[in-house]
Amino acid sequence: SGIARLDKMQNEAGENVDLYIPRKCSWTNKLIQAKDQASVQINVAEIDPATGMTLHRNKTIAIAGYVRHHGESDGAIWHLVEKGTRSAS
């Protein structure tokens, strides 16, 4: 018929999966746009304070390109990691 059919993407188990999962900036709580090529997502391992070993759990931090452009990403990441450690204890 000449019209391309758009099927949903599927994983190996045959479940429908989305091509794009929107993220929110952990610092500003604003939606990170799909075209934001300066945004980053970092996984920070949780550490047992007694042993200094990883607990095999991660905290995911997403930082928008806007925050990085204004030079606030290092302070934002530091604050979010410190906040997470204090709330866990």
PDB file of N, CA and C in Angstrom:
ATOM      1  N   SER A   1       0.811  -1.206   0.000  1.00  0.00           N
ATOM      2  CA  SER A   1       0.000   0.000   0.000  1.00  0.00           C
ATOM      3  C   SER A   1       0.847   1.260   0.000  1.00  0.00           C
ATOM      4  N   GLY A   2       2.166   1.143   0.192  1.00  0.00           N
ATOM      5  CA  GLY A   2       3.034   2.302   0.111  1.00  0.00           C
ATOM      6  C   GLY A   2       3.166   3.088   1.397  1.00  0.00           C
ATOM      7  N   ILE A   3       2.376   2.761   2.418  1.00  0.00           N
ATOM      8  CA  ILE A   3       2.445   3.479   3.691  1.00  0.00           C
ATOM      9  C   ILE A   3       3.231   2.618   4.671  1.00  0.00           C
ATOM     10  N   ALA A   4       4.238   3.217   5.275  1.00  0.00           N
ATOM     11  CA  ALA A   4       5.058   2.479   6.240  1.00  0.00           C
ATOM     12  C   ALA A   4       4.259   2.254   7.510  1.00  0.00           C
ATOM     13  N   ARG A   5       4.333   1.046   8.020  1.00  0.00           N
ATOM     14  CA  ARG A   5       3.615   0.698   9.240  1.00  0.00           C
ATOM     15  C   ARG A   5       4.557   0.868  10.427  1.00  0.00           C
ATOM     16  N   LEU A   6       4.139   1.605  11.421  1.00  0.00           N
ATOM     17  CA  LEU A   6       4.972   1.845  12.599  1.00  0.00           C
ATOM     18  C   LEU A   6       4.589   0.854  13.685  1.00  0.00           C
ATOM     19  N   ASP A   7       5.422  -0.138  13.919  1.00  0.00           N
ATOM     20  CA  ASP A   7       5.198  -1.110  14.985  1.00  0.00           C
ATOM     21  C   ASP A   7       5.943  -0.655  16.218  1.00  0.00           C
ATOM     22  N   LYS A   8       5.430  -1.072  17.370  1.00  0.00           N
ATOM     23  CA  LYS A   8       6.127  -0.762  18.607  1.00  0.00           C
ATOM     24  C   LYS A   8       7.352  -1.637  18.730  1.00  0.00           C
ATOM     25  N   MET A   9       8.361  -1.118  19.405  1.00  0.00           N
ATOM     26  CA  MET A   9       9.581  -1.873  19.618  1.00  0.00           C
ATOM     27  C   MET A   9       9.324  -2.919  20.702  1.00  0.00           C
ATOM     28  N   GLN A  10       9.870  -4.128  20.510  1.00  0.00           N
ATOM     29  CA  GLN A  10       9.696  -5.208  21.474  1.00  0.00           C
ATOM     30  C   GLN A  10      11.048  -5.738  21.921  1.00  0.00           C
ATOM     31  N   ASN A  11      11.091  -6.200  23.179  1.00  0.00           N
ATOM     32  CA  ASN A  11      12.318  -6.831  23.676  1.00  0.00           C
ATOM     33  C   ASN A  11      12.294  -8.320  23.356  1.00  0.00           C
ATOM     34  N   GLU A  12      13.287  -9.064  23.858  1.00  0.00           N
ATOM     35  CA  GLU A  12      13.387 -10.491  23.551  1.00  0.00           C
ATOM     36  C   GLU A  12      12.201 -11.284  24.064  1.00  0.00           C
ATOM     37  N   ALA A  13      11.572 -10.822  25.148  1.00  0.00           N
ATOM     38  CA  ALA A  13      10.427 -11.527  25.733  1.00  0.00           C
ATOM     39  C   ALA A  13       9.122 -11.210  25.007  1.00  0.00           C
ATOM     40  N   GLY A  14       9.170 -10.343  24.006  1.00  0.00           N
ATOM     41  CA  GLY A  14       7.975  -9.982  23.251  1.00  0.00           C
ATOM     42  C   GLY A  14       7.155  -8.876  23.890  1.00  0.00           C
ATOM     43  N   GLU A  15       7.671  -8.248  24.954  1.00  0.00           N
ATOM     44  CA  GLU A  15       6.958  -7.155  25.619  1.00  0.00           C
ATOM     45  C   GLU A  15       7.224  -5.859  24.884  1.00  0.00           C
ATOM     46  N   ASN A  16       6.194  -5.013  24.774  1.00  0.00           N
ATOM     47  CA  ASN A  16       6.364  -3.710  24.132  1.00  0.00           C
ATOM     48  C   ASN A  16       7.190  -2.806  25.035  1.00  0.00           C
ATOM     49  N   VAL A  17       8.167  -2.144  24.454  1.00  0.00           N
ATOM     50  CA  VAL A  17       9.006  -1.204  25.192  1.00  0.00           C
ATOM     51  C   VAL A  17       9.012   0.128  24.463  1.00  0.00           C
ATOM     52  N   ASP A  18       9.166   1.205  25.216  1.00  0.00           N
ATOM     53  CA  ASP A  18       9.205   2.540  24.628  1.00  0.00           C
ATOM     54  C   ASP A  18      10.606   2.839  24.115  1.00  0.00           C
ATOM     55  N   LEU A  19      10.681   3.645  23.088  1.00  0.00           N
ATOM     56  CA  LEU A  19      11.971   4.038  22.551  1.00  0.00           C
ATOM     57  C   LEU A  19      12.624   5.112  23.412  1.00  0.00           C
ATOM     58  N   TYR A  20      11.822   5.949  24.034  1.00  0.00           N
ATOM     59  CA  TYR A  20      12.363   7.049  24.834  1.00  0.00           C
ATOM     60  C   TYR A  20      11.643   7.088  26.171  1.00  0.00           C
ATOM     61  N   ILE A  21      12.399   7.073  27.239  1.00  0.00           N
ATOM     62  CA  ILE A  21      11.841   7.198  28.579  1.00  0.00           C
ATOM     63  C   ILE A  21      12.240   8.564  29.110  1.00  0.00           C
ATOM     64  N   PRO A  22      11.281   9.466  29.313  1.00  0.00           N
ATOM     65  CA  PRO A  22      11.630  10.810  29.785  1.00  0.00           C
ATOM     66  C   PRO A  22      12.226  10.770  31.189  1.00  0.00           C
ATOM     67  N   ARG A  23      13.185  11.680  31.427  1.00  0.00           N
ATOM     68  CA  ARG A  23      13.839  11.784  32.725  1.00  0.00           C
ATOM     69  C   ARG A  23      13.620  13.182  33.288  1.00  0.00           C
ATOM     70  N   LYS A  24      13.722  13.288  34.600  1.00  0.00           N
ATOM     71  CA  LYS A  24      13.660  14.585  35.266  1.00  0.00           C
ATOM     72  C   LYS A  24      15.028  14.885  35.849  1.00  0.00           C
ATOM     73  N   CYS A  25      15.405  16.140  35.790  1.00  0.00           N
ATOM     74  CA  CYS A  25      16.656  16.577  36.394  1.00  0.00           C
ATOM     75  C   CYS A  25      16.529  16.419  37.914  1.00  0.00           C
ATOM     76  N   SER A  26      17.496  15.762  38.518  1.00  0.00           N
ATOM     77  CA  SER A  26      17.454  15.529  39.964  1.00  0.00           C
ATOM     78  C   SER A  26      17.628  16.815  40.762  1.00  0.00           C
ATOM     79  N   TRP A  27      18.212  17.843  40.151  1.00  0.00           N
ATOM     80  CA  TRP A  27      18.484  19.093  40.848  1.00  0.00           C
ATOM     81  C   TRP A  27      17.338  20.093  40.688  1.00  0.00           C
ATOM     82  N   THR A  28      16.856  20.292  39.443  1.00  0.00           N
ATOM     83  CA  THR A  28      15.813  21.286  39.200  1.00  0.00           C
ATOM     84  C   THR A  28      14.413  20.678  39.166  1.00  0.00           C
ATOM     85  N   ASN A  29      14.321  19.355  39.076  1.00  0.00           N
ATOM     86  CA  ASN A  29      13.063  18.623  38.987  1.00  0.00           C
ATOM     87  C   ASN A  29      12.277  18.965  37.715  1.00  0.00           C
ATOM     88  N   LYS A  30      12.980  19.469  36.701  1.00  0.00           N
ATOM     89  CA  LYS A  30      12.352  19.764  35.409  1.00  0.00           C
ATOM     90  C   LYS A  30      12.604  18.615  34.449  1.00  0.00           C
ATOM     91  N   LEU A  31      11.707  18.440  33.501  1.00  0.00           N
ATOM     92  CA  LEU A  31      11.827  17.385  32.517  1.00  0.00           C
ATOM     93  C   LEU A  31      13.032  17.641  31.615  1.00  0.00           C
ATOM     94  N   ILE A  32      13.839  16.612  31.385  1.00  0.00           N
ATOM     95  CA  ILE A  32      14.970  16.713  30.469  1.00  0.00           C
ATOM     96  C   ILE A  32      14.467  16.361  29.083  1.00  0.00           C
ATOM     97  N   GLN A  33      14.606  17.278  28.144  1.00  0.00           N
ATOM     98  CA  GLN A  33      14.106  17.059  26.796  1.00  0.00           C
ATOM     99  C   GLN A  33      14.947  16.020  26.061  1.00  0.00           C
ATOM    100  N   ALA A  34      14.332  15.371  25.097  1.00  0.00           N
ATOM    101  CA  ALA A  34      15.011  14.314  24.341  1.00  0.00           C
ATOM    102  C   ALA A  34      16.215  14.858  23.576  1.00  0.00           C
ATOM    103  N   LYS A  35      16.171  16.113  23.172  1.00  0.00           N
ATOM    104  CA  LYS A  35      17.258  16.692  22.380  1.00  0.00           C
ATOM    105  C   LYS A  35      18.347  17.348  23.230  1.00  0.00           C
ATOM    106  N   ASP A  36      18.242  17.231  24.547  1.00  0.00           N
ATOM    107  CA  ASP A  36      19.255  17.809  25.436  1.00  0.00           C
ATOM    108  C   ASP A  36      20.487  16.904  25.418  1.00  0.00           C
ATOM    109  N   GLN A  37      21.445  17.231  24.544  1.00  0.00           N
ATOM    110  CA  GLN A  37      22.636  16.393  24.393  1.00  0.00           C
ATOM    111  C   GLN A  37      23.697  16.666  25.453  1.00  0.00           C
ATOM    112  N   ALA A  38      23.499  17.684  26.272  1.00  0.00           N
ATOM    113  CA  ALA A  38      24.467  18.004  27.316  1.00  0.00           C
ATOM    114  C   ALA A  38      24.081  17.387  28.659  1.00  0.00           C
ATOM    115  N   SER A  39      22.915  16.760  28.743  1.00  0.00           N
ATOM    116  CA  SER A  39      22.498  16.161  30.008  1.00  0.00           C
ATOM    117  C   SER A  39      23.284  14.888  30.269  1.00  0.00           C
ATOM    118  N   VAL A  40      23.426  14.552  31.552  1.00  0.00           N
ATOM    119  CA  VAL A  40      24.141  13.333  31.944  1.00  0.00           C
ATOM    120  C   VAL A  40      23.317  12.581  32.981  1.00  0.00           C
ATOM    121  N   GLN A  41      23.554  11.287  33.047  1.00  0.00           N
ATOM    122  CA  GLN A  41      22.954  10.446  34.075  1.00  0.00           C
ATOM    123  C   GLN A  41      24.075   9.662  34.721  1.00  0.00           C
ATOM    124  N   ILE A  42      24.185   9.776  36.048  1.00  0.00           N
ATOM    125  CA  ILE A  42      25.290   9.165  36.785  1.00  0.00           C
ATOM    126  C   ILE A  42      24.719   8.221  37.837  1.00  0.00           C
ATOM    127  N   ASN A  43      25.294   7.035  37.946  1.00  0.00           N
ATOM    128  CA  ASN A  43      24.943   6.095  39.008  1.00  0.00           C
ATOM    129  C   ASN A  43      26.014   6.172  40.086  1.00  0.00           C
ATOM    130  N   VAL A  44      25.592   6.457  41.320  1.00  0.00           N
ATOM    131  CA  VAL A  44      26.508   6.561  42.451  1.00  0.00           C
ATOM    132  C   VAL A  44      26.247   5.365  43.358  1.00  0.00           C
ATOM    133  N   ALA A  45      27.275   4.574  43.619  1.00  0.00           N
ATOM    134  CA  ALA A  45      27.129   3.378  44.450  1.00  0.00           C
ATOM    135  C   ALA A  45      26.913   3.756  45.904  1.00  0.00           C
ATOM    136  N   GLU A  46      26.041   3.002  46.584  1.00  0.00           N
ATOM    137  CA  GLU A  46      25.846   3.177  48.014  1.00  0.00           C
ATOM    138  C   GLU A  46      26.926   2.373  48.745  1.00  0.00           C
ATOM    139  N   ILE A  47      27.538   3.001  49.743  1.00  0.00           N
ATOM    140  CA  ILE A  47      28.670   2.412  50.460  1.00  0.00           C
ATOM    141  C   ILE A  47      28.286   2.165  51.917  1.00  0.00           C
ATOM    142  N   ASP A  48      28.657   1.008  52.433  1.00  0.00           N
ATOM    143  CA  ASP A  48      28.456   0.700  53.853  1.00  0.00           C
ATOM    144  C   ASP A  48      29.468   1.501  54.660  1.00  0.00           C
ATOM    145  N   PRO A  49      29.009   2.385  55.564  1.00  0.00           N
ATOM    146  CA  PRO A  49      29.951   3.228  56.303  1.00  0.00           C
ATOM    147  C   PRO A  49      30.885   2.430  57.223  1.00  0.00           C
ATOM    148  N   ALA A  50      30.457   1.286  57.677  1.00  0.00           N
ATOM    149  CA  ALA A  50      31.291   0.496  58.597  1.00  0.00           C
ATOM    150  C   ALA A  50      32.436  -0.193  57.867  1.00  0.00           C
ATOM    151  N   THR A  51      32.132  -0.781  56.701  1.00  0.00           N
ATOM    152  CA  THR A  51      33.152  -1.557  55.992  1.00  0.00           C
ATOM    153  C   THR A  51      33.778  -0.815  54.828  1.00  0.00           C
ATOM    154  N   GLY A  52      33.099   0.207  54.317  1.00  0.00           N
ATOM    155  CA  GLY A  52      33.596   0.932  53.157  1.00  0.00           C
ATOM    156  C   GLY A  52      33.384   0.181  51.856  1.00  0.00           C
ATOM    157  N   MET A  53      32.597  -0.884  51.901  1.00  0.00           N
ATOM    158  CA  MET A  53      32.326  -1.677  50.703  1.00  0.00           C
ATOM    159  C   MET A  53      30.951  -1.311  50.137  1.00  0.00           C
ATOM    160  N   THR A  54      30.788  -1.580  48.841  1.00  0.00           N
ATOM    161  CA  THR A  54      29.534  -1.258  48.184  1.00  0.00           C
ATOM    162  C   THR A  54      28.409  -2.167  48.672  1.00  0.00           C
ATOM    163  N   LEU A  55      27.207  -1.620  48.700  1.00  0.00           N
ATOM    164  CA  LEU A  55      26.016  -2.380  49.089  1.00  0.00           C
ATOM    165  C   LEU A  55      25.297  -2.945  47.867  1.00  0.00           C
ATOM    166  N   HIS A  56      25.906  -2.800  46.693  1.00  0.00           N
ATOM    167  CA  HIS A  56      25.347  -3.270  45.413  1.00  0.00           C
ATOM    168  C   HIS A  56      24.010  -2.601  45.101  1.00  0.00           C
ATOM    169  N   ARG A  57      23.869  -1.362  45.532  1.00  0.00           N
ATOM    170  CA  ARG A  57      22.717  -0.530  45.182  1.00  0.00           C
ATOM    171  C   ARG A  57      23.267   0.788  44.654  1.00  0.00           C
ATOM    172  N   ASN A  58      22.552   1.374  43.711  1.00  0.00           N
ATOM    173  CA  ASN A  58      22.972   2.644  43.122  1.00  0.00           C
ATOM    174  C   ASN A  58      21.905   3.693  43.312  1.00  0.00           C
ATOM    175  N   LYS A  59      22.355   4.931  43.392  1.00  0.00           N
ATOM    176  CA  LYS A  59      21.443   6.070  43.342  1.00  0.00           C
ATOM    177  C   LYS A  59      21.695   6.730  41.992  1.00  0.00           C
ATOM    178  N   THR A  60      20.655   6.871  41.185  1.00  0.00           N
ATOM    179  CA  THR A  60      20.789   7.459  39.866  1.00  0.00           C
ATOM    180  C   THR A  60      20.504   8.954  39.951  1.00  0.00           C
ATOM    181  N   ILE A  61      21.431   9.733  39.422  1.00  0.00           N
ATOM    182  CA  ILE A  61      21.297  11.191  39.402  1.00  0.00           C
ATOM    183  C   ILE A  61      21.316  11.647  37.951  1.00  0.00           C
ATOM    184  N   ALA A  62      20.289  12.378  37.543  1.00  0.00           N
ATOM    185  CA  ALA A  62      20.215  12.939  36.191  1.00  0.00           C
ATOM    186  C   ALA A  62      20.379  14.448  36.299  1.00  0.00           C
ATOM    187  N   ILE A  63      21.285  14.998  35.507  1.00  0.00           N
ATOM    188  CA  ILE A  63      21.550  16.441  35.513  1.00  0.00           C
ATOM    189  C   ILE A  63      21.294  16.986  34.116  1.00  0.00           C
ATOM    190  N   ALA A  64      20.464  18.016  34.041  1.00  0.00           N
ATOM    191  CA  ALA A  64      20.116  18.631  32.754  1.00  0.00           C
ATOM    192  C   ALA A  64      21.298  19.436  32.212  1.00  0.00           C
ATOM    193  N   GLY A  65      21.316  19.608  30.902  1.00  0.00           N
ATOM    194  CA  GLY A  65      22.355  20.386  30.246  1.00  0.00           C
ATOM    195  C   GLY A  65      22.370  21.831  30.707  1.00  0.00           C
ATOM    196  N   TYR A  66      21.193  22.364  31.064  1.00  0.00           N
ATOM    197  CA  TYR A  66      21.094  23.744  31.560  1.00  0.00           C
ATOM    198  C   TYR A  66      21.936  23.923  32.825  1.00  0.00           C
ATOM    199  N   VAL A  67      21.850  22.956  33.737  1.00  0.00           N
ATOM    200  CA  VAL A  67      22.607  23.023  34.990  1.00  0.00           C
ATOM    201  C   VAL A  67      24.102  22.929  34.692  1.00  0.00           C
ATOM    202  N   ARG A  68      24.476  22.027  33.784  1.00  0.00           N
ATOM    203  CA  ARG A  68      25.888  21.873  33.420  1.00  0.00           C
ATOM    204  C   ARG A  68      26.409  23.133  32.738  1.00  0.00           C
ATOM    205  N   HIS A  69      25.593  23.734  31.879  1.00  0.00           N
ATOM    206  CA  HIS A  69      26.006  24.937  31.149  1.00  0.00           C
ATOM    207  C   HIS A  69      26.326  26.083  32.112  1.00  0.00           C
ATOM    208  N   HIS A  70      25.597  26.157  33.209  1.00  0.00           N
ATOM    209  CA  HIS A  70      25.809  27.237  34.168  1.00  0.00           C
ATOM    210  C   HIS A  70      26.830  26.883  35.242  1.00  0.00           C
ATOM    211  N   GLY A  71      27.515  25.751  35.082  1.00  0.00           N
ATOM    212  CA  GLY A  71      28.592  25.384  36.000  1.00  0.00           C
ATOM    213  C   GLY A  71      28.129  24.988  37.386  1.00  0.00           C
ATOM    214  N   GLU A  72      26.898  24.511  37.518  1.00  0.00           N
ATOM    215  CA  GLU A  72      26.361  24.156  38.822  1.00  0.00           C
ATOM    216  C   GLU A  72      26.275  22.653  39.040  1.00  0.00           C
ATOM    217  N   SER A  73      26.733  21.859  38.072  1.00  0.00           N
ATOM    218  CA  SER A  73      26.520  20.413  38.165  1.00  0.00           C
ATOM    219  C   SER A  73      27.340  19.765  39.276  1.00  0.00           C
ATOM    220  N   ASP A  74      28.585  20.210  39.489  1.00  0.00           N
ATOM    221  CA  ASP A  74      29.391  19.582  40.536  1.00  0.00           C
ATOM    222  C   ASP A  74      28.799  19.828  41.918  1.00  0.00           C
ATOM    223  N   GLY A  75      28.338  21.044  42.163  1.00  0.00           N
ATOM    224  CA  GLY A  75      27.693  21.355  43.441  1.00  0.00           C
ATOM    225  C   GLY A  75      26.367  20.627  43.601  1.00  0.00           C
ATOM    226  N   ALA A  76      25.629  20.499  42.510  1.00  0.00           N
ATOM    227  CA  ALA A  76      24.340  19.804  42.552  1.00  0.00           C
ATOM    228  C   ALA A  76      24.540  18.325  42.865  1.00  0.00           C
ATOM    229  N   ILE A  77      25.502  17.695  42.192  1.00  0.00           N
ATOM    230  CA  ILE A  77      25.765  16.272  42.428  1.00  0.00           C
ATOM    231  C   ILE A  77      26.241  16.051  43.856  1.00  0.00           C
ATOM    232  N   TRP A  78      27.152  16.895  44.316  1.00  0.00           N
ATOM    233  CA  TRP A  78      27.654  16.779  45.688  1.00  0.00           C
ATOM    234  C   TRP A  78      26.508  16.884  46.690  1.00  0.00           C
ATOM    235  N   HIS A  79      25.637  17.876  46.501  1.00  0.00           N
ATOM    236  CA  HIS A  79      24.510  18.085  47.415  1.00  0.00           C
ATOM    237  C   HIS A  79      23.560  16.881  47.393  1.00  0.00           C
ATOM    238  N   LEU A  80      23.247  16.373  46.200  1.00  0.00           N
ATOM    239  CA  LEU A  80      22.323  15.237  46.095  1.00  0.00           C
ATOM    240  C   LEU A  80      22.909  13.971  46.724  1.00  0.00           C
ATOM    241  N   VAL A  81      24.211  13.754  46.562  1.00  0.00           N
ATOM    242  CA  VAL A  81      24.845  12.573  47.162  1.00  0.00           C
ATOM    243  C   VAL A  81      24.882  12.715  48.675  1.00  0.00           C
ATOM    244  N   GLU A  82      25.244  13.897  49.171  1.00  0.00           N
ATOM    245  CA  GLU A  82      25.254  14.127  50.627  1.00  0.00           C
ATOM    246  C   GLU A  82      23.866  13.993  51.235  1.00  0.00           C
ATOM    247  N   LYS A  83      22.871  14.523  50.560  1.00  0.00           N
ATOM    248  CA  LYS A  83      21.488  14.444  51.024  1.00  0.00           C
ATOM    249  C   LYS A  83      21.053  12.983  51.111  1.00  0.00           C
ATOM    250  N   GLY A  84      21.429  12.176  50.104  1.00  0.00           N
ATOM    251  CA  GLY A  84      21.089  10.760  50.099  1.00  0.00           C
ATOM    252  C   GLY A  84      21.773   9.996  51.216  1.00  0.00           C
ATOM    253  N   THR A  85      23.002  10.379  51.542  1.00  0.00           N
ATOM    254  CA  THR A  85      23.725   9.661  52.608  1.00  0.00           C
ATOM    255  C   THR A  85      23.150  10.004  53.967  1.00  0.00           C
ATOM    256  N   ARG A  86      22.772  11.252  54.143  1.00  0.00           N
ATOM    257  CA  ARG A  86      22.219  11.643  55.433  1.00  0.00           C
ATOM    258  C   ARG A  86      20.858  11.015  55.671  1.00  0.00           C
ATOM    259  N   SER A  87      20.026  10.909  54.605  1.00  0.00           N
ATOM    260  CA  SER A  87      18.685  10.347  54.792  1.00  0.00           C
ATOM    261  C   SER A  87      18.746   8.839  55.010  1.00  0.00           C
ATOM    262  N   ALA A  88      19.815   8.176  54.533  1.00  0.00           N
ATOM    263  CA  ALA A  88      19.941   6.730  54.704  1.00  0.00           C
ATOM    264  C   ALA A  88      20.387   6.381  56.116  1.00  0.00           C
ATOM    265  N   SER A  89      21.077   7.310  56.806  1.00  0.00           N
ATOM    266  CA  SER A  89      21.558   6.982  58.151  1.00  0.00           C
ATOM    267  C   SER A  89      20.535   7.297  59.202  1.00  0.00           C
TER     268      SER A  89
END
